[in-house]
Amino acid sequence: MEHLLKENKIYFSDQIKLIIDNALNKYSCYSVFLEERTNFVYILIYKN
């Protein structure tokens, strides 16, 4: 996940990373979407 985020120059605080990592322990797949206009980042975490 770190690689994908750095590739797109998206950086999260440690608190957000912890929340994401905890979710990924339960669910194996994720997608990250960057909304160009607003710079909102959407993280979709789902079961395989």
Protein backbone atom coordinates (compact mmCIF):
# COMPACT_ATOMS: atom_id res chain seq x y z
CA MET A 1 0.00 0.00 0.00
CA GLU A 2 2.82 2.41 0.82
CA HIS A 3 4.20 2.00 -2.68
CA LEU A 4 0.89 2.92 -4.31
CA LEU A 5 0.45 5.98 -2.16
CA LYS A 6 3.99 7.26 -2.68
CA GLU A 7 3.68 6.69 -6.41
CA ASN A 8 0.70 9.05 -6.43
CA LYS A 9 2.26 11.40 -3.85
CA ILE A 10 -0.50 10.76 -1.34
CA TYR A 11 0.57 10.90 2.29
CA PHE A 12 -1.57 10.04 5.29
CA SER A 13 -1.07 10.78 8.95
CA ASP A 14 -0.04 7.88 11.18
CA GLN A 15 -3.52 7.79 12.69
CA ILE A 16 -5.16 7.32 9.30
CA LYS A 17 -2.57 4.69 8.34
CA LEU A 18 -3.40 2.77 11.50
CA ILE A 19 -7.12 2.81 10.68
CA ILE A 20 -6.40 1.60 7.14
CA ASP A 21 -4.03 -1.14 8.34
CA ASN A 22 -6.61 -2.37 10.86
CA ALA A 23 -9.25 -2.53 8.14
CA LEU A 24 -6.87 -4.37 5.80
CA ASN A 25 -6.31 -7.01 8.49
CA LYS A 26 -9.99 -7.94 8.12
CA TYR A 27 -10.47 -7.25 4.42
CA SER A 28 -7.85 -8.10 1.86
CA CYS A 29 -8.51 -5.82 -1.09
CA TYR A 30 -8.34 -2.08 -1.46
CA SER A 31 -8.44 0.64 -4.07
CA VAL A 32 -7.39 4.24 -3.72
CA PHE A 33 -9.03 6.98 -5.77
CA LEU A 34 -7.81 10.54 -5.95
CA GLU A 35 -10.38 13.17 -6.91
CA GLU A 36 -8.27 15.63 -8.90
CA ARG A 37 -10.51 18.69 -8.51
CA THR A 38 -10.94 18.55 -4.77
CA ASN A 39 -7.85 16.48 -3.82
CA PHE A 40 -10.15 14.18 -1.86
CA VAL A 41 -8.82 10.67 -1.45
CA TYR A 42 -11.29 7.80 -1.40
CA ILE A 43 -10.17 4.49 0.01
CA LEU A 44 -12.35 1.51 -0.87
CA ILE A 45 -11.66 -1.55 1.27
CA TYR A 46 -13.55 -4.73 0.47
CA LYS A 47 -13.55 -8.50 0.87
CA ASN A 48 -12.00 -10.58 -1.87
